[in-house]
Amino acid sequence: MFRSVIQGVGAYLPERVLTNAELAKQVDTSDEWIIERTGICKRHVAADGQKTSDLAIEAATRALKAAGRDGNEVDLFVVATATPDETFPATAARVQSALGRPGVPSFDVQAVCSGFIYGLAVVDNFIKAGQSKCAVLIGAETFSRILDWEDRTTCVLFGDGAGAVVVSAEEGTGTSSDRGILSTHLHSDGRYHDMLYVDGGPASTQTTGHVRMKGKEVFRHAVVNLASTVREALDANGLTIDDVDWLVPHQANKRILDSTASKLGMDPAKVIVTVDQHANTSAASIPLAFETGVADGRIKPGQLVLMEAMGGGFTWGSALVRL
């Protein structure tokens, strides 16, 4: 059987850094208030005129370099984003064009903060079906463009950024000792729309809209759903939490990360945490955290990495990957 193996990872963050202290000058908040409730110290914000595709292209270029590929082998581009450059065409089409691969399929996946997990499932299934041999998956967001900067309950939480992986087909044995994506698990429940959504869109208001969230309800559902999908991934592969070398979660809120690890009985030292530096970058969150763990040497070849996320919709899911 074919396995979808991650060959390289890349990340990009805009140069502009927005600290909690700066935010405190704009809205009724403070550095202490933000850190206590979220663990966030700062976030990156895209420059004027800098688009989601610009971030995505830079992250993809770095991932290809890390994988030792020049891009000529890539036969699929997928961008996970809730903040595309335009309503259409897909942001992935801009990436494909910039990287010089005309004719290669490219499209976006929209599952908000779960987008990268959904994208992994899409890429994995393309490879398993023999329709792709080398894919680039990117999570990229400019969430700063859909924030109400007068709403302290949301504007302090999010940031901009992009992370990418190069995934290629390799033969495997079908066991959990294989390299690559061992399994992905996806869920959604549209009944919870009003807990986390954007109050605009082409078909509703003909405007972009702003993020709206009921934080306490999202927190409660996140801890339950994330712990559940982690167990689902482990059970599907006959593994336990002790077999996992690293948990790379969606970086929404430090308290959610801590509560999920506690619910799973996992050592907090095995959780990759970047929310303090990047804030919540939605679909870019997991690949940014993953790149951090790889770059600083914590995540090593052969190790078992568990990724999980939950986002608006609600959507949620997990992926178990061996490097």
C-alpha atoms as a PDB file:
ATOM      1  CA  MET A   1       0.000   0.000   0.000  1.00  0.00           C
ATOM      2  CA  PHE A   2       0.995   3.616  -0.435  1.00  0.00           C
ATOM      3  CA  ARG A   3       1.610   5.874   2.529  1.00  0.00           C
ATOM      4  CA  SER A   4       1.592   9.677   2.394  1.00  0.00           C
ATOM      5  CA  VAL A   5       4.944  10.713   3.850  1.00  0.00           C
ATOM      6  CA  ILE A   6       5.770  14.259   4.954  1.00  0.00           C
ATOM      7  CA  GLN A   7       9.086  15.071   3.295  1.00  0.00           C
ATOM      8  CA  GLY A   8       9.470  18.708   4.304  1.00  0.00           C
ATOM      9  CA  VAL A   9       7.805  21.493   6.236  1.00  0.00           C
ATOM     10  CA  GLY A  10       8.025  25.268   5.896  1.00  0.00           C
ATOM     11  CA  ALA A  11       6.536  28.295   7.642  1.00  0.00           C
ATOM     12  CA  TYR A  12       6.151  32.000   7.159  1.00  0.00           C
ATOM     13  CA  LEU A  13       5.062  34.771   9.525  1.00  0.00           C
ATOM     14  CA  PRO A  14       4.530  38.408   8.509  1.00  0.00           C
ATOM     15  CA  GLU A  15       7.155  40.831   9.771  1.00  0.00           C
ATOM     16  CA  ARG A  16       4.702  43.017  11.694  1.00  0.00           C
ATOM     17  CA  VAL A  17       4.387  41.913  15.332  1.00  0.00           C
ATOM     18  CA  LEU A  18       1.475  43.155  17.417  1.00  0.00           C
ATOM     19  CA  THR A  19       2.024  42.828  21.166  1.00  0.00           C
ATOM     20  CA  ASN A  20      -0.550  42.715  23.926  1.00  0.00           C
ATOM     21  CA  ALA A  21       0.693  46.080  25.157  1.00  0.00           C
ATOM     22  CA  GLU A  22      -0.076  47.646  21.783  1.00  0.00           C
ATOM     23  CA  LEU A  23      -3.545  46.080  21.760  1.00  0.00           C
ATOM     24  CA  ALA A  24      -4.196  47.505  25.205  1.00  0.00           C
ATOM     25  CA  LYS A  25      -3.955  50.963  23.631  1.00  0.00           C
ATOM     26  CA  GLN A  26      -6.747  50.082  21.179  1.00  0.00           C
ATOM     27  CA  VAL A  27      -9.265  48.173  23.316  1.00  0.00           C
ATOM     28  CA  ASP A  28     -10.123  47.753  27.006  1.00  0.00           C
ATOM     29  CA  THR A  29      -7.660  44.996  27.836  1.00  0.00           C
ATOM     30  CA  SER A  30      -4.185  44.431  29.269  1.00  0.00           C
ATOM     31  CA  ASP A  31      -1.198  42.193  28.771  1.00  0.00           C
ATOM     32  CA  GLU A  32      -1.989  40.410  32.046  1.00  0.00           C
ATOM     33  CA  TRP A  33      -5.658  39.872  31.104  1.00  0.00           C
ATOM     34  CA  ILE A  34      -4.785  38.351  27.723  1.00  0.00           C
ATOM     35  CA  ILE A  35      -2.018  36.084  29.022  1.00  0.00           C
ATOM     36  CA  GLU A  36      -4.108  34.838  31.949  1.00  0.00           C
ATOM     37  CA  ARG A  37      -7.060  33.865  29.756  1.00  0.00           C
ATOM     38  CA  THR A  38      -5.322  32.767  26.560  1.00  0.00           C
ATOM     39  CA  GLY A  39      -1.573  32.398  27.049  1.00  0.00           C
ATOM     40  CA  ILE A  40      -1.001  34.703  24.063  1.00  0.00           C
ATOM     41  CA  CYS A  41       1.835  37.246  24.237  1.00  0.00           C
ATOM     42  CA  LYS A  42       1.913  38.486  20.658  1.00  0.00           C
ATOM     43  CA  ARG A  43       0.716  37.824  17.132  1.00  0.00           C
ATOM     44  CA  HIS A  44       1.880  38.598  13.581  1.00  0.00           C
ATOM     45  CA  VAL A  45      -0.197  40.790  11.255  1.00  0.00           C
ATOM     46  CA  ALA A  46       0.026  40.917   7.471  1.00  0.00           C
ATOM     47  CA  ALA A  47       1.208  44.161   5.943  1.00  0.00           C
ATOM     48  CA  ASP A  48      -1.073  46.353   3.860  1.00  0.00           C
ATOM     49  CA  GLY A  49      -1.416  44.709   0.475  1.00  0.00           C
ATOM     50  CA  GLN A  50       0.005  41.399   1.708  1.00  0.00           C
ATOM     51  CA  LYS A  51      -2.418  38.607   0.781  1.00  0.00           C
ATOM     52  CA  THR A  52      -3.029  35.111   2.061  1.00  0.00           C
ATOM     53  CA  SER A  53      -1.482  33.766  -1.146  1.00  0.00           C
ATOM     54  CA  ASP A  54       1.718  35.730  -0.470  1.00  0.00           C
ATOM     55  CA  LEU A  55       2.087  34.003   2.881  1.00  0.00           C
ATOM     56  CA  ALA A  56       1.188  30.637   1.353  1.00  0.00           C
ATOM     57  CA  ILE A  57       3.711  30.934  -1.475  1.00  0.00           C
ATOM     58  CA  GLU A  58       6.531  31.743   0.935  1.00  0.00           C
ATOM     59  CA  ALA A  59       5.668  28.821   3.240  1.00  0.00           C
ATOM     60  CA  ALA A  60       5.377  26.420   0.285  1.00  0.00           C
ATOM     61  CA  THR A  61       8.718  27.565  -1.136  1.00  0.00           C
ATOM     62  CA  ARG A  62      10.393  26.918   2.215  1.00  0.00           C
ATOM     63  CA  ALA A  63       8.738  23.506   2.558  1.00  0.00           C
ATOM     64  CA  LEU A  64       9.956  22.470  -0.901  1.00  0.00           C
ATOM     65  CA  LYS A  65      13.477  23.579   0.004  1.00  0.00           C
ATOM     66  CA  ALA A  66      13.327  21.566   3.240  1.00  0.00           C
ATOM     67  CA  ALA A  67      12.160  18.534   1.251  1.00  0.00           C
ATOM     68  CA  GLY A  68      14.945  18.965  -1.293  1.00  0.00           C
ATOM     69  CA  ARG A  69      12.441  19.459  -4.124  1.00  0.00           C
ATOM     70  CA  ASP A  70      12.359  22.174  -6.782  1.00  0.00           C
ATOM     71  CA  GLY A  71       8.617  21.904  -7.328  1.00  0.00           C
ATOM     72  CA  ASN A  72       8.710  20.156 -10.702  1.00  0.00           C
ATOM     73  CA  GLU A  73       7.474  16.924  -9.121  1.00  0.00           C
ATOM     74  CA  VAL A  74       4.436  18.517  -7.465  1.00  0.00           C
ATOM     75  CA  ASP A  75       1.182  17.297  -8.990  1.00  0.00           C
ATOM     76  CA  LEU A  76      -1.322  18.720  -6.480  1.00  0.00           C
ATOM     77  CA  PHE A  77      -1.714  21.970  -4.521  1.00  0.00           C
ATOM     78  CA  VAL A  78      -4.198  22.282  -1.650  1.00  0.00           C
ATOM     79  CA  VAL A  79      -4.597  25.413   0.458  1.00  0.00           C
ATOM     80  CA  ALA A  80      -6.560  25.281   3.702  1.00  0.00           C
ATOM     81  CA  THR A  81      -7.860  28.780   4.451  1.00  0.00           C
ATOM     82  CA  ALA A  82     -10.895  30.679   5.721  1.00  0.00           C
ATOM     83  CA  THR A  83      -9.452  33.993   4.466  1.00  0.00           C
ATOM     84  CA  PRO A  84      -8.880  33.567   0.714  1.00  0.00           C
ATOM     85  CA  ASP A  85      -7.532  36.378  -1.448  1.00  0.00           C
ATOM     86  CA  GLU A  86     -10.831  36.542  -3.304  1.00  0.00           C
ATOM     87  CA  THR A  87     -14.196  34.759  -3.366  1.00  0.00           C
ATOM     88  CA  PHE A  88     -12.773  33.026  -6.428  1.00  0.00           C
ATOM     89  CA  PRO A  89     -10.522  31.769  -7.903  1.00  0.00           C
ATOM     90  CA  ALA A  90      -8.968  29.548  -5.255  1.00  0.00           C
ATOM     91  CA  THR A  91      -5.945  30.875  -3.399  1.00  0.00           C
ATOM     92  CA  ALA A  92      -4.256  27.597  -4.341  1.00  0.00           C
ATOM     93  CA  ALA A  93      -4.386  28.665  -7.990  1.00  0.00           C
ATOM     94  CA  ARG A  94      -2.191  31.664  -7.178  1.00  0.00           C
ATOM     95  CA  VAL A  95       0.264  29.367  -5.390  1.00  0.00           C
ATOM     96  CA  GLN A  96       0.335  26.965  -8.329  1.00  0.00           C
ATOM     97  CA  SER A  97       0.985  29.820 -10.755  1.00  0.00           C
ATOM     98  CA  ALA A  98       3.718  31.367  -8.617  1.00  0.00           C
ATOM     99  CA  LEU A  99       5.512  28.028  -8.321  1.00  0.00           C
ATOM    100  CA  GLY A 100       5.354  27.441 -12.060  1.00  0.00           C
ATOM    101  CA  ARG A 101       3.148  24.351 -12.315  1.00  0.00           C
ATOM    102  CA  PRO A 102       0.403  25.184 -14.853  1.00  0.00           C
ATOM    103  CA  GLY A 103      -2.085  22.380 -15.441  1.00  0.00           C
ATOM    104  CA  VAL A 104      -1.586  20.835 -12.009  1.00  0.00           C
ATOM    105  CA  PRO A 105      -4.822  20.609  -9.972  1.00  0.00           C
ATOM    106  CA  SER A 106      -5.151  23.213  -7.236  1.00  0.00           C
ATOM    107  CA  PHE A 107      -8.010  24.043  -4.901  1.00  0.00           C
ATOM    108  CA  ASP A 108      -8.872  25.377  -1.447  1.00  0.00           C
ATOM    109  CA  VAL A 109     -10.294  23.539   1.557  1.00  0.00           C
ATOM    110  CA  GLN A 110     -12.429  25.495   4.034  1.00  0.00           C
ATOM    111  CA  ALA A 111     -12.894  24.003   7.501  1.00  0.00           C
ATOM    112  CA  VAL A 112     -11.640  27.044   9.435  1.00  0.00           C
ATOM    113  CA  CYS A 113      -9.243  26.001  12.225  1.00  0.00           C
ATOM    114  CA  SER A 114      -9.592  22.324  11.281  1.00  0.00           C
ATOM    115  CA  GLY A 115      -8.633  23.111   7.693  1.00  0.00           C
ATOM    116  CA  PHE A 116      -5.130  21.658   7.828  1.00  0.00           C
ATOM    117  CA  ILE A 117      -6.416  18.336   9.222  1.00  0.00           C
ATOM    118  CA  TYR A 118      -9.096  18.248   6.513  1.00  0.00           C
ATOM    119  CA  GLY A 119      -6.381  19.054   3.973  1.00  0.00           C
ATOM    120  CA  LEU A 120      -4.213  16.180   5.207  1.00  0.00           C
ATOM    121  CA  ALA A 121      -7.157  13.823   4.703  1.00  0.00           C
ATOM    122  CA  VAL A 122      -7.695  15.121   1.162  1.00  0.00           C
ATOM    123  CA  VAL A 123      -4.031  14.819   0.188  1.00  0.00           C
ATOM    124  CA  ASP A 124      -3.729  11.397   1.834  1.00  0.00           C
ATOM    125  CA  ASN A 125      -6.688  10.058  -0.091  1.00  0.00           C
ATOM    126  CA  PHE A 126      -5.421  11.478  -3.405  1.00  0.00           C
ATOM    127  CA  ILE A 127      -2.133   9.656  -2.820  1.00  0.00           C
ATOM    128  CA  LYS A 128      -3.777   6.401  -1.724  1.00  0.00           C
ATOM    129  CA  ALA A 129      -5.980   6.501  -4.826  1.00  0.00           C
ATOM    130  CA  GLY A 130      -2.928   6.907  -7.046  1.00  0.00           C
ATOM    131  CA  GLN A 131      -4.031  10.341  -8.265  1.00  0.00           C
ATOM    132  CA  SER A 132      -1.069  12.162  -6.730  1.00  0.00           C
ATOM    133  CA  LYS A 133       2.544  11.279  -6.079  1.00  0.00           C
ATOM    134  CA  CYS A 134       3.756  14.571  -4.626  1.00  0.00           C
ATOM    135  CA  ALA A 135       1.446  17.177  -3.081  1.00  0.00           C
ATOM    136  CA  VAL A 136       1.924  20.516  -1.370  1.00  0.00           C
ATOM    137  CA  LEU A 137      -0.535  21.245   1.435  1.00  0.00           C
ATOM    138  CA  ILE A 138      -0.609  24.739   2.911  1.00  0.00           C
ATOM    139  CA  GLY A 139      -2.502  26.243   5.817  1.00  0.00           C
ATOM    140  CA  ALA A 140      -2.555  30.015   5.376  1.00  0.00           C
ATOM    141  CA  GLU A 141      -4.584  32.809   6.963  1.00  0.00           C
ATOM    142  CA  THR A 142      -4.867  36.592   7.180  1.00  0.00           C
ATOM    143  CA  PHE A 143      -7.400  36.534  10.015  1.00  0.00           C
ATOM    144  CA  SER A 144      -6.557  40.141  10.863  1.00  0.00           C
ATOM    145  CA  ARG A 145      -8.725  41.108   7.863  1.00  0.00           C
ATOM    146  CA  ILE A 146     -11.908  39.685   9.418  1.00  0.00           C
ATOM    147  CA  LEU A 147     -11.462  40.879  12.994  1.00  0.00           C
ATOM    148  CA  ASP A 148     -13.499  43.541  14.726  1.00  0.00           C
ATOM    149  CA  TRP A 149     -10.650  45.493  16.310  1.00  0.00           C
ATOM    150  CA  GLU A 150     -13.057  46.996  18.848  1.00  0.00           C
ATOM    151  CA  ASP A 151     -14.148  43.579  20.154  1.00  0.00           C
ATOM    152  CA  ARG A 152     -11.650  42.546  22.824  1.00  0.00           C
ATOM    153  CA  THR A 153     -13.164  39.048  23.085  1.00  0.00           C
ATOM    154  CA  THR A 154     -11.947  38.164  19.581  1.00  0.00           C
ATOM    155  CA  CYS A 155      -9.314  40.631  18.336  1.00  0.00           C
ATOM    156  CA  VAL A 156      -6.777  39.533  20.957  1.00  0.00           C
ATOM    157  CA  LEU A 157      -6.998  35.884  19.936  1.00  0.00           C
ATOM    158  CA  PHE A 158      -5.954  35.731  16.294  1.00  0.00           C
ATOM    159  CA  GLY A 159      -2.940  36.299  14.081  1.00  0.00           C
ATOM    160  CA  ASP A 160      -1.725  35.796  10.515  1.00  0.00           C
ATOM    161  CA  GLY A 161       0.688  33.215   9.119  1.00  0.00           C
ATOM    162  CA  ALA A 162       1.221  30.189   6.904  1.00  0.00           C
ATOM    163  CA  GLY A 163       2.680  26.712   7.194  1.00  0.00           C
ATOM    164  CA  ALA A 164       3.172  24.087   4.491  1.00  0.00           C
ATOM    165  CA  VAL A 165       4.153  20.460   4.057  1.00  0.00           C
ATOM    166  CA  VAL A 166       5.368  18.478   1.060  1.00  0.00           C
ATOM    167  CA  VAL A 167       3.772  15.037   1.030  1.00  0.00           C
ATOM    168  CA  SER A 168       4.800  12.219  -1.300  1.00  0.00           C
ATOM    169  CA  ALA A 169       3.881   8.605  -1.893  1.00  0.00           C
ATOM    170  CA  GLU A 170       5.990   5.804  -0.430  1.00  0.00           C
ATOM    171  CA  GLU A 171       5.315   2.103  -0.135  1.00  0.00           C
ATOM    172  CA  GLY A 172       4.288   0.892   3.309  1.00  0.00           C
ATOM    173  CA  THR A 173       3.334  -2.329   5.033  1.00  0.00           C
ATOM    174  CA  GLY A 174      -0.020  -1.161   6.358  1.00  0.00           C
ATOM    175  CA  THR A 175       1.062  -1.231   9.999  1.00  0.00           C
ATOM    176  CA  SER A 176       1.495   1.551  12.539  1.00  0.00           C
ATOM    177  CA  SER A 177       5.270   1.276  12.139  1.00  0.00           C
ATOM    178  CA  ASP A 178       5.029   2.762   8.634  1.00  0.00           C
ATOM    179  CA  ARG A 179       6.251   6.269   7.917  1.00  0.00           C
ATOM    180  CA  GLY A 180       3.572   8.684   6.808  1.00  0.00           C
ATOM    181  CA  ILE A 181      -0.046   9.486   7.573  1.00  0.00           C
ATOM    182  CA  LEU A 182      -1.420   6.477   9.448  1.00  0.00           C
ATOM    183  CA  SER A 183      -5.007   7.757   9.623  1.00  0.00           C
ATOM    184  CA  THR A 184      -7.170  10.873   9.609  1.00  0.00           C
ATOM    185  CA  HIS A 185     -10.506  11.405  11.365  1.00  0.00           C
ATOM    186  CA  LEU A 186     -12.924  14.201  10.465  1.00  0.00           C
ATOM    187  CA  HIS A 187     -16.143  15.495  12.064  1.00  0.00           C
ATOM    188  CA  SER A 188     -18.533  18.432  11.883  1.00  0.00           C
ATOM    189  CA  ASP A 189     -21.766  19.590  13.490  1.00  0.00           C
ATOM    190  CA  GLY A 190     -23.521  22.552  11.931  1.00  0.00           C
ATOM    191  CA  ARG A 191     -25.933  22.921  14.846  1.00  0.00           C
ATOM    192  CA  TYR A 192     -23.268  24.987  16.601  1.00  0.00           C
ATOM    193  CA  HIS A 193     -22.947  27.607  13.858  1.00  0.00           C
ATOM    194  CA  ASP A 194     -23.804  30.522  16.162  1.00  0.00           C
ATOM    195  CA  MET A 195     -20.999  29.755  18.603  1.00  0.00           C
ATOM    196  CA  LEU A 196     -18.210  30.633  16.157  1.00  0.00           C
ATOM    197  CA  TYR A 197     -18.830  32.255  12.793  1.00  0.00           C
ATOM    198  CA  VAL A 198     -18.254  35.305  10.583  1.00  0.00           C
ATOM    199  CA  ASP A 199     -21.263  37.611  10.252  1.00  0.00           C
ATOM    200  CA  GLY A 200     -20.874  38.230   6.538  1.00  0.00           C
ATOM    201  CA  GLY A 201     -20.448  36.639   3.135  1.00  0.00           C
ATOM    202  CA  PRO A 202     -21.309  37.004  -0.570  1.00  0.00           C
ATOM    203  CA  ALA A 203     -24.702  35.284  -0.330  1.00  0.00           C
ATOM    204  CA  SER A 204     -25.812  36.808   2.983  1.00  0.00           C
ATOM    205  CA  THR A 205     -24.576  40.368   3.460  1.00  0.00           C
ATOM    206  CA  GLN A 206     -22.345  40.915   0.412  1.00  0.00           C
ATOM    207  CA  THR A 207     -19.617  41.939   2.858  1.00  0.00           C
ATOM    208  CA  THR A 208     -16.633  40.172   4.398  1.00  0.00           C
ATOM    209  CA  GLY A 209     -17.973  40.381   7.952  1.00  0.00           C
ATOM    210  CA  HIS A 210     -16.228  39.885  11.296  1.00  0.00           C
ATOM    211  CA  VAL A 211     -15.497  36.939  13.568  1.00  0.00           C
ATOM    212  CA  ARG A 212     -18.129  36.385  16.278  1.00  0.00           C
ATOM    213  CA  MET A 213     -17.629  33.883  19.081  1.00  0.00           C
ATOM    214  CA  LYS A 214     -19.160  32.603  22.300  1.00  0.00           C
ATOM    215  CA  GLY A 215     -15.921  31.793  24.036  1.00  0.00           C
ATOM    216  CA  LYS A 216     -17.120  29.735  27.003  1.00  0.00           C
ATOM    217  CA  GLU A 217     -19.220  27.414  24.848  1.00  0.00           C
ATOM    218  CA  VAL A 218     -16.404  26.963  22.324  1.00  0.00           C
ATOM    219  CA  PHE A 219     -13.963  26.126  25.134  1.00  0.00           C
ATOM    220  CA  ARG A 220     -16.276  23.475  26.585  1.00  0.00           C
ATOM    221  CA  HIS A 221     -16.910  21.755  23.261  1.00  0.00           C
ATOM    222  CA  ALA A 222     -13.261  21.992  22.211  1.00  0.00           C
ATOM    223  CA  VAL A 223     -11.878  20.056  25.178  1.00  0.00           C
ATOM    224  CA  VAL A 224     -14.462  17.270  24.805  1.00  0.00           C
ATOM    225  CA  ASN A 225     -14.244  16.980  21.007  1.00  0.00           C
ATOM    226  CA  LEU A 226     -10.468  17.162  20.818  1.00  0.00           C
ATOM    227  CA  ALA A 227      -9.922  14.514  23.479  1.00  0.00           C
ATOM    228  CA  SER A 228     -12.475  12.291  21.736  1.00  0.00           C
ATOM    229  CA  THR A 229     -10.873  12.514  18.283  1.00  0.00           C
ATOM    230  CA  VAL A 230      -7.407  11.897  19.735  1.00  0.00           C
ATOM    231  CA  ARG A 231      -8.649   8.651  21.290  1.00  0.00           C
ATOM    232  CA  GLU A 232     -10.353   7.817  17.998  1.00  0.00           C
ATOM    233  CA  ALA A 233      -7.037   8.089  16.134  1.00  0.00           C
ATOM    234  CA  LEU A 234      -5.197   5.994  18.704  1.00  0.00           C
ATOM    235  CA  ASP A 235      -7.877   3.283  18.764  1.00  0.00           C
ATOM    236  CA  ALA A 236      -7.893   3.090  14.954  1.00  0.00           C
ATOM    237  CA  ASN A 237      -4.192   2.246  14.998  1.00  0.00           C
ATOM    238  CA  GLY A 238      -4.082   0.044  18.094  1.00  0.00           C
ATOM    239  CA  LEU A 239      -1.963   2.558  19.999  1.00  0.00           C
ATOM    240  CA  THR A 240      -2.117   4.374  23.328  1.00  0.00           C
ATOM    241  CA  ILE A 241      -1.291   7.927  24.341  1.00  0.00           C
ATOM    242  CA  ASP A 242       2.037   6.640  25.705  1.00  0.00           C
ATOM    243  CA  ASP A 243       3.042   5.667  22.153  1.00  0.00           C
ATOM    244  CA  VAL A 244       2.750   9.273  20.983  1.00  0.00           C
ATOM    245  CA  ASP A 245       5.994  11.233  20.930  1.00  0.00           C
ATOM    246  CA  TRP A 246       4.425  14.635  20.271  1.00  0.00           C
ATOM    247  CA  LEU A 247       0.991  16.198  20.310  1.00  0.00           C
ATOM    248  CA  VAL A 248       0.759  19.071  17.822  1.00  0.00           C
ATOM    249  CA  PRO A 249      -2.598  20.695  18.541  1.00  0.00           C
ATOM    250  CA  HIS A 250      -4.399  23.605  16.975  1.00  0.00           C
ATOM    251  CA  GLN A 251      -3.081  26.644  18.836  1.00  0.00           C
ATOM    252  CA  ALA A 252      -6.322  28.319  19.911  1.00  0.00           C
ATOM    253  CA  ASN A 253      -5.859  28.962  23.604  1.00  0.00           C
ATOM    254  CA  LYS A 254      -3.282  27.762  26.141  1.00  0.00           C
ATOM    255  CA  ARG A 255      -6.039  26.748  28.547  1.00  0.00           C
ATOM    256  CA  ILE A 256      -7.609  24.492  25.890  1.00  0.00           C
ATOM    257  CA  LEU A 257      -4.215  22.901  25.230  1.00  0.00           C
ATOM    258  CA  ASP A 258      -3.618  22.292  28.937  1.00  0.00           C
ATOM    259  CA  SER A 259      -7.130  20.954  29.560  1.00  0.00           C
ATOM    260  CA  THR A 260      -6.971  18.591  26.582  1.00  0.00           C
ATOM    261  CA  ALA A 261      -3.582  17.209  27.640  1.00  0.00           C
ATOM    262  CA  SER A 262      -4.883  16.726  31.174  1.00  0.00           C
ATOM    263  CA  LYS A 263      -8.015  14.944  29.935  1.00  0.00           C
ATOM    264  CA  LEU A 264      -5.822  12.601  27.870  1.00  0.00           C
ATOM    265  CA  GLY A 265      -3.384  11.993  30.717  1.00  0.00           C
ATOM    266  CA  MET A 266      -0.553  13.280  28.534  1.00  0.00           C
ATOM    267  CA  ASP A 267       2.693  14.812  29.761  1.00  0.00           C
ATOM    268  CA  PRO A 268       2.475  18.566  29.000  1.00  0.00           C
ATOM    269  CA  ALA A 269       6.154  18.447  28.004  1.00  0.00           C
ATOM    270  CA  LYS A 270       5.124  16.398  24.941  1.00  0.00           C
ATOM    271  CA  VAL A 271       2.773  19.116  23.646  1.00  0.00           C
ATOM    272  CA  ILE A 272       4.138  21.570  21.072  1.00  0.00           C
ATOM    273  CA  VAL A 273       2.960  25.049  22.112  1.00  0.00           C
ATOM    274  CA  THR A 274       3.325  28.166  19.963  1.00  0.00           C
ATOM    275  CA  VAL A 275       0.111  30.023  20.781  1.00  0.00           C
ATOM    276  CA  ASP A 276       2.078  32.405  22.990  1.00  0.00           C
ATOM    277  CA  GLN A 277       4.109  33.605  19.992  1.00  0.00           C
ATOM    278  CA  HIS A 278       1.662  33.270  17.074  1.00  0.00           C
ATOM    279  CA  ALA A 279      -1.813  33.458  18.659  1.00  0.00           C
ATOM    280  CA  ASN A 280      -4.552  31.543  16.829  1.00  0.00           C
ATOM    281  CA  THR A 281      -3.687  31.410  13.124  1.00  0.00           C
ATOM    282  CA  SER A 282      -6.612  29.112  12.251  1.00  0.00           C
ATOM    283  CA  ALA A 283      -5.676  26.680   9.445  1.00  0.00           C
ATOM    284  CA  ALA A 284      -2.023  27.789   9.645  1.00  0.00           C
ATOM    285  CA  SER A 285      -1.809  26.946  13.335  1.00  0.00           C
ATOM    286  CA  ILE A 286      -0.865  23.252  13.176  1.00  0.00           C
ATOM    287  CA  PRO A 287       1.739  23.483  10.399  1.00  0.00           C
ATOM    288  CA  LEU A 288       3.331  26.501  12.123  1.00  0.00           C
ATOM    289  CA  ALA A 289       3.598  24.554  15.386  1.00  0.00           C
ATOM    290  CA  PHE A 290       4.797  21.459  13.526  1.00  0.00           C
ATOM    291  CA  GLU A 291       7.512  23.447  11.754  1.00  0.00           C
ATOM    292  CA  THR A 292       8.626  24.905  15.080  1.00  0.00           C
ATOM    293  CA  GLY A 293       9.019  21.427  16.581  1.00  0.00           C
ATOM    294  CA  VAL A 294      10.945  20.160  13.551  1.00  0.00           C
ATOM    295  CA  ALA A 295      13.157  23.240  13.288  1.00  0.00           C
ATOM    296  CA  ASP A 296      14.225  23.196  16.938  1.00  0.00           C
ATOM    297  CA  GLY A 297      14.999  19.476  16.820  1.00  0.00           C
ATOM    298  CA  ARG A 298      12.307  18.195  19.147  1.00  0.00           C
ATOM    299  CA  ILE A 299      10.369  16.361  16.425  1.00  0.00           C
ATOM    300  CA  LYS A 300      12.638  13.760  14.807  1.00  0.00           C
ATOM    301  CA  PRO A 301      12.344  11.199  11.988  1.00  0.00           C
ATOM    302  CA  GLY A 302      10.587   8.015  13.061  1.00  0.00           C
ATOM    303  CA  GLN A 303       8.625   9.689  15.827  1.00  0.00           C
ATOM    304  CA  LEU A 304       4.845   9.484  16.141  1.00  0.00           C
ATOM    305  CA  VAL A 305       3.042  12.833  15.923  1.00  0.00           C
ATOM    306  CA  LEU A 306      -0.625  13.352  16.734  1.00  0.00           C
ATOM    307  CA  MET A 307      -2.330  16.439  15.312  1.00  0.00           C
ATOM    308  CA  GLU A 308      -5.796  17.676  16.309  1.00  0.00           C
ATOM    309  CA  ALA A 309      -7.963  20.734  15.754  1.00  0.00           C
ATOM    310  CA  MET A 310     -11.430  22.198  16.166  1.00  0.00           C
ATOM    311  CA  GLY A 311     -12.903  25.184  14.356  1.00  0.00           C
ATOM    312  CA  GLY A 312     -16.060  27.024  13.449  1.00  0.00           C
ATOM    313  CA  GLY A 313     -18.873  25.002  12.044  1.00  0.00           C
ATOM    314  CA  PHE A 314     -18.166  23.167  14.323  1.00  0.00           C
ATOM    315  CA  THR A 315     -15.513  21.118  12.561  1.00  0.00           C
ATOM    316  CA  TRP A 316     -12.936  18.967  14.288  1.00  0.00           C
ATOM    317  CA  GLY A 317     -10.541  16.134  13.539  1.00  0.00           C
ATOM    318  CA  SER A 318      -7.242  14.417  14.099  1.00  0.00           C
ATOM    319  CA  ALA A 319      -4.352  12.909  12.166  1.00  0.00           C
ATOM    320  CA  LEU A 320      -1.740  10.412  13.273  1.00  0.00           C
ATOM    321  CA  VAL A 321       1.555  10.753  11.435  1.00  0.00           C
ATOM    322  CA  ARG A 322       4.903   8.992  11.691  1.00  0.00           C
ATOM    323  CA  LEU A 323       7.812  11.024  10.358  1.00  0.00           C
END
